Protein backbone atom coordinates (compact mmCIF):
# COMPACT_ATOMS: atom_id res chain seq x y z
CA MET A 1 29.40 -51.01 9.91
CA LEU A 2 30.99 -49.31 6.98
CA VAL A 3 28.75 -47.70 4.34
CA HIS A 4 30.01 -47.35 0.84
CA PRO A 5 30.22 -43.66 -0.20
CA ILE A 6 28.24 -44.28 -3.38
CA CYS A 7 25.31 -45.76 -1.42
CA SER A 8 24.81 -42.84 0.99
CA PRO A 9 24.12 -39.25 -0.04
CA PRO A 10 26.83 -36.76 0.81
CA ARG A 11 26.12 -34.66 3.88
CA HIS A 12 26.61 -31.35 2.09
CA THR A 13 23.88 -32.25 -0.42
CA ALA A 14 21.33 -32.80 2.35
CA ALA A 15 22.35 -29.58 4.07
CA ARG A 16 22.10 -27.71 0.77
CA ALA A 17 18.59 -29.08 0.21
CA VAL A 18 17.51 -27.94 3.67
CA ARG A 19 18.99 -24.45 3.10
CA CYS A 20 17.26 -24.18 -0.30
CA SER A 21 13.94 -25.24 1.23
CA LEU A 22 14.27 -22.67 4.00
CA LEU A 23 15.21 -19.92 1.55
CA LEU A 24 12.24 -20.74 -0.68
CA ALA A 25 9.89 -20.72 2.31
CA LEU A 26 11.29 -17.39 3.51
CA GLY A 27 11.04 -15.90 0.03
CA SER A 28 7.41 -17.00 -0.28
CA LEU A 29 6.64 -15.52 3.11
CA LEU A 30 8.25 -12.19 2.21
CA LEU A 31 6.35 -12.01 -1.08
CA ALA A 32 3.10 -12.73 0.72
CA CYS A 33 3.82 -9.94 3.22
CA ARG A 34 4.40 -7.38 0.49
CA SER A 35 1.18 -8.01 -1.36
CA THR A 36 -1.81 -5.95 -0.37
CA PRO A 37 -5.42 -6.79 -1.03
CA PRO A 38 -6.80 -5.24 -4.23
CA PRO A 39 -8.84 -2.05 -4.00
CA THR A 40 -12.60 -2.25 -3.71
CA PRO A 41 -14.08 -2.20 -7.22
CA ILE A 42 -15.62 1.17 -8.08
CA THR A 43 -18.95 -0.54 -8.74
CA GLN A 44 -19.04 -1.61 -5.07
CA LEU A 45 -18.36 1.80 -3.53
CA ASN A 46 -21.05 3.39 -1.37
CA PRO A 47 -22.23 7.00 -2.07
CA GLN A 48 -19.72 8.52 0.37
CA GLN A 49 -16.82 6.61 -1.18
CA LEU A 50 -18.00 7.49 -4.71
CA HIS A 51 -18.02 11.17 -3.78
CA GLY A 52 -14.53 10.71 -2.36
CA GLN A 53 -13.43 9.11 -5.64
CA GLN A 54 -14.76 12.14 -7.53
CA LEU A 55 -12.87 14.43 -5.15
CA PHE A 56 -9.72 12.36 -5.70
CA GLN A 57 -10.08 12.68 -9.47
CA ALA A 58 -10.58 16.45 -9.22
CA ASN A 59 -7.89 17.24 -6.63
CA CYS A 60 -5.36 14.42 -6.38
CA ALA A 61 -5.22 12.39 -9.60
CA MET A 62 -2.94 14.85 -11.37
CA CYS A 63 -0.14 13.82 -8.98
CA HIS A 64 -1.13 10.46 -7.46
CA TYR A 65 -2.32 7.14 -8.84
CA ASP A 66 -5.14 5.59 -6.89
CA ARG A 67 -5.51 2.20 -8.56
CA ALA A 68 -2.03 1.64 -9.99
CA GLU A 69 1.38 1.16 -8.41
CA GLY A 70 4.36 3.41 -8.89
CA PRO A 71 4.80 7.14 -8.66
CA LEU A 72 3.20 9.73 -10.92
CA HIS A 73 4.41 13.10 -9.59
CA GLY A 74 3.78 11.93 -6.05
CA PRO A 75 3.61 8.39 -4.67
CA SER A 76 0.80 6.02 -5.57
CA LEU A 77 -1.94 5.89 -2.96
CA LEU A 78 -2.85 2.30 -3.76
CA GLY A 79 -3.12 0.50 -0.43
CA VAL A 80 -2.23 3.66 1.50
CA PHE A 81 -4.20 2.60 4.59
CA LYS A 82 -3.31 -1.09 4.21
CA LYS A 83 0.29 -0.39 5.18
CA PRO A 84 1.48 0.76 8.60
CA TYR A 85 3.31 3.82 7.24
CA LEU A 86 2.89 6.42 4.54
CA PRO A 87 5.65 6.82 1.93
CA SER A 88 6.95 9.70 4.11
CA GLY A 89 7.42 7.33 7.06
CA ALA A 90 4.55 8.88 9.04
CA PRO A 91 1.87 6.56 10.43
CA ALA A 92 -0.85 5.68 7.91
CA ASN A 93 -3.86 7.02 9.76
CA ASP A 94 -6.68 9.51 9.13
CA GLU A 95 -5.06 12.19 11.28
CA ARG A 96 -1.74 12.15 9.40
CA VAL A 97 -3.36 12.01 5.95
CA THR A 98 -5.76 14.84 6.88
CA TYR A 99 -2.89 17.02 8.06
CA THR A 100 -0.91 16.33 4.88
CA VAL A 101 -3.88 17.10 2.62
CA LEU A 102 -4.73 20.35 4.41
CA HIS A 103 -1.19 21.63 5.04
CA GLY A 104 0.93 19.93 2.39
CA ARG A 105 4.29 18.28 2.90
CA ASN A 106 7.58 18.70 1.05
CA LEU A 107 6.65 19.04 -2.64
CA MET A 108 2.95 18.40 -2.06
CA PRO A 109 1.00 21.64 -1.81
CA ALA A 110 -1.90 22.11 0.60
CA GLN A 111 -5.31 21.32 -0.90
CA PRO A 112 -7.56 24.18 0.29
CA ALA A 113 -10.50 22.94 -1.84
CA LEU A 114 -10.76 19.97 0.55
CA ASP A 115 -10.83 22.12 3.69
CA PRO A 116 -13.88 21.25 5.81
CA GLN A 117 -14.72 24.94 6.23
CA TYR A 118 -15.67 25.03 2.53
CA ASP A 119 -17.34 21.61 2.37
CA PRO A 120 -17.70 19.64 5.60
CA ASN A 121 -18.10 16.34 3.68
CA SER A 122 -15.13 16.67 1.36
CA LEU A 123 -12.35 15.40 3.59
CA PRO A 124 -14.31 12.57 5.27
CA ASP A 125 -15.50 11.40 1.85
CA LEU A 126 -11.96 11.51 0.42
CA LEU A 127 -10.66 9.53 3.41
CA ALA A 128 -13.48 7.00 3.00
CA TYR A 129 -12.40 6.52 -0.62
CA LEU A 130 -8.70 6.23 0.28
CA HIS A 131 -9.57 3.46 2.74
CA THR A 132 -10.99 1.44 -0.19
CA LEU A 133 -7.71 1.48 -2.11
């Protein structure tokens, strides 16, 4: 049976529609992967996290954003523990962040005010706050 070309859709149009659908689905998936959950509202922080937020404001906020994206002088720490890696490429875990805070890295100076020998709660409280971002 012969089908008139006007009555049947061209093959390349159907293939194009499938490709467009796949690209849209892939794009949506990639956008969903990049988004991170919002930080915990400050009004919902527990006392340890609130103390950590105060420590962040006193020691870190001059170089890092905590609740905004983009760099200040250093990278934003929004979602720092919600990603597998730090901006440096190191694993995003308490050990790596602790080492960086205490010893510095590249342009970031060490933060001796957060050393546990001066205040044993400072670093755990700061880390607790960073986990809420």
